[in-house]
Protein backbone atom coordinates (compact mmCIF):
# COMPACT_ATOMS: atom_id res chain seq x y z
CA MET A 1 -114.75 -142.09 -3.50
CA LYS A 2 -117.09 -140.25 -1.84
CA ARG A 3 -119.97 -141.70 -3.90
CA PHE A 4 -118.89 -145.19 -3.15
CA MET A 5 -118.82 -144.31 0.80
CA PHE A 6 -122.10 -142.49 0.43
CA VAL A 7 -123.87 -145.44 -1.22
CA LEU A 8 -121.97 -147.89 1.27
CA MET A 9 -123.41 -145.68 4.14
CA PHE A 10 -126.82 -145.63 2.71
CA CYS A 11 -126.68 -149.35 2.71
CA LEU A 12 -125.65 -149.93 6.10
CA LEU A 13 -128.58 -147.68 7.29
CA VAL A 14 -131.09 -149.88 5.45
CA VAL A 15 -129.93 -152.76 6.73
CA LEU A 16 -130.17 -151.66 10.43
CA ALA A 17 -133.19 -150.43 10.06
CA ALA A 18 -134.47 -153.73 8.38
CA CYS A 19 -133.02 -154.83 11.59
CA SER A 20 -134.50 -152.75 14.10
CA ASN A 21 -138.21 -153.66 12.29
CA ASP A 22 -137.83 -157.06 12.86
CA ASP A 23 -136.93 -157.06 16.33
CA THR A 24 -139.94 -154.90 17.01
CA THR A 25 -142.14 -156.83 15.13
CA ASN A 26 -140.72 -159.80 17.30
CA VAL A 27 -140.88 -158.38 20.56
CA GLU A 28 -144.67 -157.67 19.14
CA GLN A 29 -145.08 -160.71 18.70
CA GLU A 30 -143.54 -162.57 21.45
CA GLU A 31 -145.11 -159.75 23.68
CA ARG A 32 -148.67 -160.46 22.71
CA VAL A 33 -150.74 -162.28 25.18
CA VAL A 34 -154.57 -161.40 25.10
CA ALA A 35 -156.56 -161.56 29.17
CA VAL A 36 -159.72 -163.42 28.27
CA GLU A 37 -162.14 -165.60 30.75
CA THR A 38 -163.42 -168.80 29.81
CA ALA A 39 -166.51 -171.08 30.42
CA GLU A 40 -166.61 -174.87 30.14
CA VAL A 41 -168.21 -176.37 27.05
CA LYS A 42 -171.39 -178.50 28.78
CA GLU A 43 -173.83 -181.26 27.45
CA GLU A 44 -177.20 -181.17 28.15
CA ASP A 45 -180.46 -180.77 27.05
CA PHE A 46 -181.10 -177.60 25.61
CA ILE A 47 -184.34 -175.42 26.98
CA LEU A 48 -185.65 -172.51 24.78
CA GLU A 49 -188.50 -170.93 27.12
CA ARG A 50 -191.02 -168.57 27.02
CA VAL A 51 -191.72 -166.21 30.19
CA LEU A 52 -195.25 -165.13 30.61
CA TYR A 53 -196.91 -162.43 32.87
CA GLY A 54 -200.69 -163.39 34.71
CA ARG A 55 -202.49 -162.60 38.18
CA ALA A 56 -203.48 -164.50 40.49
CA ILE A 57 -207.00 -165.01 41.79
CA PRO A 58 -208.45 -166.72 44.27
CA ASN A 59 -209.52 -170.34 43.39
CA GLN A 60 -213.21 -169.61 44.67
CA ILE A 61 -215.28 -166.73 45.92
CA THR A 62 -218.30 -166.97 47.36
CA PRO A 63 -220.81 -163.89 48.05
CA ILE A 64 -222.10 -163.20 51.26
CA ILE A 65 -225.48 -161.49 50.31
CA LEU A 66 -228.67 -160.22 53.17
CA PRO A 67 -231.77 -162.18 52.99
CA LEU A 68 -233.48 -158.65 54.16
CA ALA A 69 -231.69 -155.18 54.03
CA GLY A 70 -231.47 -153.86 57.49
CA GLU A 71 -229.42 -152.29 60.01
CA LEU A 72 -225.95 -153.96 60.74
CA THR A 73 -226.22 -154.32 64.52
CA GLU A 74 -222.96 -156.61 65.33
CA LEU A 75 -220.08 -157.32 63.07
CA ASP A 76 -217.67 -160.27 63.80
CA VAL A 77 -214.84 -160.04 61.21
CA SER A 78 -212.67 -158.07 59.19
CA ASN A 79 -211.15 -157.92 55.88
CA GLY A 80 -208.44 -160.73 55.39
CA GLU A 81 -209.57 -162.39 58.46
CA THR A 82 -209.90 -166.58 58.01
CA VAL A 83 -213.04 -167.94 58.72
CA GLU A 84 -215.03 -171.53 58.15
CA GLU A 85 -218.16 -172.70 57.16
CA GLY A 86 -221.13 -171.74 59.63
CA ASP A 87 -219.28 -169.10 61.87
CA ARG A 88 -221.06 -166.37 62.29
CA ILE A 89 -220.23 -163.31 60.48
CA ALA A 90 -222.50 -160.53 61.35
CA VAL A 91 -226.48 -159.52 63.44
CA PHE A 92 -228.92 -157.46 61.35
CA SER A 93 -231.80 -156.20 62.60
CA THR A 94 -234.43 -156.34 59.85
CA ALA A 95 -238.50 -155.76 59.08
CA GLN A 96 -238.74 -159.13 60.46
CA GLY A 97 -236.45 -159.23 63.24
CA SER A 98 -232.74 -160.19 64.00
CA THR A 99 -230.70 -162.30 61.31
CA THR A 100 -227.69 -164.09 62.00
CA VAL A 101 -225.28 -164.19 58.97
CA THR A 102 -222.91 -166.98 58.43
CA ALA A 103 -219.96 -167.93 56.58
CA PRO A 104 -221.12 -169.92 53.62
CA ALA A 105 -218.00 -171.42 52.73
CA ASP A 106 -214.12 -171.33 54.12
CA GLY A 107 -212.08 -168.71 53.57
CA LYS A 108 -210.72 -165.16 53.73
CA ILE A 109 -213.27 -161.96 54.39
CA THR A 110 -212.69 -159.55 51.13
CA GLY A 111 -214.76 -157.03 50.31
CA LEU A 112 -216.51 -155.49 53.79
CA GLN A 113 -217.74 -152.17 53.82
CA ALA A 114 -220.10 -151.69 56.30
CA SER A 115 -219.34 -151.00 59.77
CA GLU A 116 -222.09 -151.15 62.71
CA GLY A 117 -224.75 -148.37 62.55
CA ASP A 118 -224.85 -148.91 58.52
CA MET A 119 -227.89 -149.94 56.34
CA VAL A 120 -226.85 -152.53 54.17
CA SER A 121 -228.64 -153.62 51.59
CA ASN A 122 -229.66 -157.14 50.21
CA GLU A 123 -229.29 -156.54 46.53
CA GLU A 124 -225.39 -156.51 46.43
CA PRO A 125 -222.93 -158.59 48.34
CA PHE A 126 -222.48 -157.76 52.23
CA ALA A 127 -218.80 -158.89 51.91
CA THR A 128 -217.41 -162.19 49.91
CA VAL A 129 -215.94 -165.48 51.27
CA ALA A 130 -212.40 -166.13 49.01
CA ASP A 131 -210.85 -169.43 48.84
CA THR A 132 -207.11 -168.52 48.82
CA ASP A 133 -205.33 -171.40 50.23
CA VAL A 134 -205.83 -172.51 46.25
CA MET A 135 -204.89 -169.65 43.99
CA ILE A 136 -205.73 -169.31 40.24
CA VAL A 137 -203.02 -168.00 37.87
CA GLU A 138 -204.56 -166.59 34.91
CA PHE A 139 -202.43 -165.30 31.71
CA ALA A 140 -202.63 -165.27 28.17
CA VAL A 141 -200.79 -166.85 24.96
CA THR A 142 -200.45 -167.22 21.35
CA ALA A 143 -201.43 -169.52 19.25
CA GLU A 144 -198.41 -171.26 19.01
CA LEU A 145 -197.95 -171.31 22.61
CA GLN A 146 -201.40 -172.43 23.09
CA GLN A 147 -200.90 -175.51 20.72
CA ILE A 148 -197.55 -176.17 23.23
CA LEU A 149 -199.27 -176.19 26.53
CA THR A 150 -200.84 -179.75 27.92
CA LYS A 151 -203.81 -179.75 30.37
CA ASP A 152 -202.65 -180.83 33.88
CA GLU A 153 -198.96 -180.33 32.85
CA THR A 154 -196.88 -178.47 35.76
CA TYR A 155 -194.74 -175.81 35.25
CA THR A 156 -193.00 -172.90 37.18
CA VAL A 157 -194.62 -169.90 38.13
CA GLU A 158 -193.20 -167.08 40.20
CA VAL A 159 -194.62 -165.01 42.52
CA ALA A 160 -193.55 -162.53 45.29
CA ASN A 161 -190.43 -163.38 44.79
CA GLU A 162 -190.99 -167.18 45.22
CA GLU A 163 -191.35 -170.28 43.32
CA PHE A 164 -194.39 -172.88 43.22
CA PRO A 165 -195.46 -175.38 40.78
CA ALA A 166 -198.57 -174.17 38.45
CA THR A 167 -200.82 -177.08 37.31
CA VAL A 168 -202.75 -176.09 34.02
CA THR A 169 -206.28 -176.82 34.47
CA GLN A 170 -207.95 -174.95 31.84
CA ILE A 171 -206.66 -173.77 28.34
CA ASP A 172 -209.22 -171.97 26.07
CA PHE A 173 -209.80 -172.62 22.62
CA THR A 174 -211.32 -169.41 21.34
CA PRO A 175 -209.46 -166.01 21.61
CA ASP A 176 -210.12 -163.13 23.59
CA ASP A 177 -210.51 -159.43 22.05
CA SER A 178 -206.95 -159.27 22.25
CA GLY A 179 -206.36 -162.33 19.98
CA LEU A 180 -204.66 -163.76 22.52
CA TYR A 181 -205.92 -167.63 24.18
CA PRO A 182 -206.73 -167.27 27.89
CA VAL A 183 -204.88 -170.19 30.29
CA GLN A 184 -205.71 -171.19 33.80
CA ALA A 185 -203.51 -173.04 36.12
CA THR A 186 -203.84 -173.65 39.79
CA VAL A 187 -200.90 -173.15 42.15
CA GLU A 188 -201.23 -174.25 46.22
CA ASN A 189 -201.15 -171.34 48.33
CA GLU A 190 -201.85 -173.19 52.14
CA GLU A 191 -199.55 -170.51 53.83
CA ASN A 192 -200.86 -167.49 51.98
CA ILE A 193 -198.08 -166.07 50.71
CA ILE A 194 -199.67 -165.35 47.64
CA LEU A 195 -202.18 -162.75 47.63
CA PRO A 196 -205.29 -161.51 45.45
CA GLY A 197 -204.12 -159.37 42.31
CA MET A 198 -200.65 -160.42 42.68
CA VAL A 199 -198.45 -160.52 39.46
CA ALA A 200 -197.41 -164.07 38.61
CA ARG A 201 -194.69 -164.94 36.63
CA ILE A 202 -195.09 -168.14 34.88
CA THR A 203 -192.01 -170.06 32.56
CA ILE A 204 -193.08 -172.54 30.17
CA PRO A 205 -190.28 -174.42 27.70
CA GLU A 206 -190.87 -173.94 24.35
CA GLN A 207 -188.31 -176.12 22.47
CA VAL A 208 -186.06 -178.88 23.76
CA ILE A 209 -182.92 -180.49 22.14
CA GLU A 210 -181.87 -183.28 24.35
CA ASP A 211 -178.49 -184.24 24.72
CA THR A 212 -176.67 -181.32 22.85
CA LEU A 213 -173.43 -179.52 23.29
CA LEU A 214 -174.02 -176.16 25.43
CA VAL A 215 -172.13 -172.75 25.39
CA PRO A 216 -172.37 -169.35 26.53
CA THR A 217 -174.29 -167.02 23.77
CA GLN A 218 -171.31 -164.61 24.00
CA ALA A 219 -168.57 -167.16 23.04
CA VAL A 220 -170.40 -167.48 20.01
CA VAL A 221 -168.59 -164.98 17.17
CA HIS A 222 -170.06 -164.79 13.76
CA GLU A 223 -167.99 -163.16 10.92
CA ASN A 224 -168.32 -163.90 7.27
CA ASP A 225 -171.17 -165.77 7.77
CA GLU A 226 -169.59 -168.37 9.65
CA ASP A 227 -170.06 -168.94 13.39
CA PHE A 228 -166.99 -170.02 15.57
CA ILE A 229 -165.43 -169.63 19.05
CA TYR A 230 -162.35 -170.02 20.38
CA VAL A 231 -161.06 -172.96 22.67
CA VAL A 232 -158.36 -172.41 25.08
CA THR A 233 -155.41 -175.30 24.95
CA ASN A 234 -152.11 -174.97 26.38
CA ASP A 235 -152.98 -171.23 27.02
CA LYS A 236 -153.48 -170.97 23.45
CA ALA A 237 -156.98 -170.06 21.34
CA GLU A 238 -157.83 -172.38 18.71
CA LYS A 239 -160.39 -171.26 16.41
CA ARG A 240 -163.22 -173.84 15.61
CA THR A 241 -165.87 -173.75 13.77
CA ILE A 242 -169.50 -174.71 14.84
CA THR A 243 -173.03 -174.61 13.64
CA VAL A 244 -175.65 -173.09 16.13
CA LEU A 245 -178.69 -174.87 16.44
CA GLU A 246 -180.59 -173.04 18.99
CA THR A 247 -179.33 -169.81 20.29
CA GLY A 248 -180.95 -168.49 24.05
CA SER A 249 -180.34 -165.20 25.79
CA ASP A 250 -177.71 -166.90 27.92
CA THR A 251 -176.95 -170.31 26.31
CA SER A 252 -176.89 -171.38 23.01
CA ALA A 253 -176.87 -175.08 21.71
CA ILE A 254 -173.89 -176.31 18.66
CA GLU A 255 -172.83 -178.88 16.69
CA GLY A 256 -169.06 -178.96 16.08
CA GLU A 257 -165.28 -180.24 16.79
CA ILE A 258 -165.62 -179.67 20.24
CA GLU A 259 -166.08 -181.68 23.30
CA ALA A 260 -167.92 -181.31 27.07
CA GLY A 261 -165.10 -180.15 29.39
CA GLU A 262 -163.39 -178.17 27.24
CA GLU A 263 -162.85 -173.94 27.89
CA VAL A 264 -164.39 -171.56 25.58
CA VAL A 265 -163.53 -167.78 25.23
CA ILE A 266 -166.37 -166.07 26.61
CA THR A 267 -164.75 -162.15 27.01
CA GLY A 268 -162.01 -161.04 25.15
CA GLN A 269 -162.60 -163.59 22.18
CA LEU A 270 -163.37 -160.47 19.77
CA THR A 271 -159.61 -159.35 19.86
CA LEU A 272 -158.16 -163.06 19.38
CA SER A 273 -156.72 -164.63 16.32
CA ASP A 274 -156.27 -168.34 15.97
CA GLY A 275 -153.16 -168.99 17.83
CA ASP A 276 -153.03 -166.77 20.09
CA GLN A 277 -151.43 -166.79 23.51
CA VAL A 278 -154.09 -165.73 26.36
CA ASP A 279 -153.93 -165.04 30.11
CA VAL A 280 -157.08 -166.81 31.58
CA LYS A 281 -158.60 -164.46 34.56
CA GLU A 282 -160.78 -165.45 36.79
CA GLU A 283 -164.80 -164.23 36.00
CA GLU A 284 -165.16 -161.32 38.33
């Protein structure tokens, strides 16, 4: 009798424990809601861009060389001053008398180092006149990019935190000492925002895929040689296998059973499983 009662109590405890585990599991399943952020799938051209850096130089630099050495007696300009062709620059006292020097071209005075009373040689430029209304951006590219670039093509260049259209005017077909191919592009600079020597950042489209589906690169999950994303439908995560056509730092071009306008998970996707309940949060 005692043995029977012991067995009966043991079985009862096992049943209660099993029910308790089932209840806990059900609660956990009911309570599993994953917080995620999403982004919209777009259908646009995918452009993979290459960013290069170069320097801005004046379109033209004209030296001012004295016909004869002499003493600088009058100086009418200073560095950075804008002059027009024919403007008086300075007066010198030479062995043949007083000589007036005028600007040989329109532009800005640069490289001026002499002051009134100084003796100035005629073997080196007294100063230069730089045409800064049009600037040249010099940069160098690999052989692969050299094949992509086209003369007279216009790209976007960023200088001093402002963007300008830059037109390619020269593409060298022989590399320099670094093995890269020099390229020049011209930029209109009428407001003189770009100064000589400034760093220029030029963006070149390296590859284009037309009319493709685009998702944020961070939305793509790679696992067991498979690429997939999670699409949110009725507050549930739906796993969909995709093919990645090209990947950029921010955006990837994909193919798969997905449509433009659907919402894909961009944060929280690494903890998701197919069918999980999700709580979509606004991106901070």
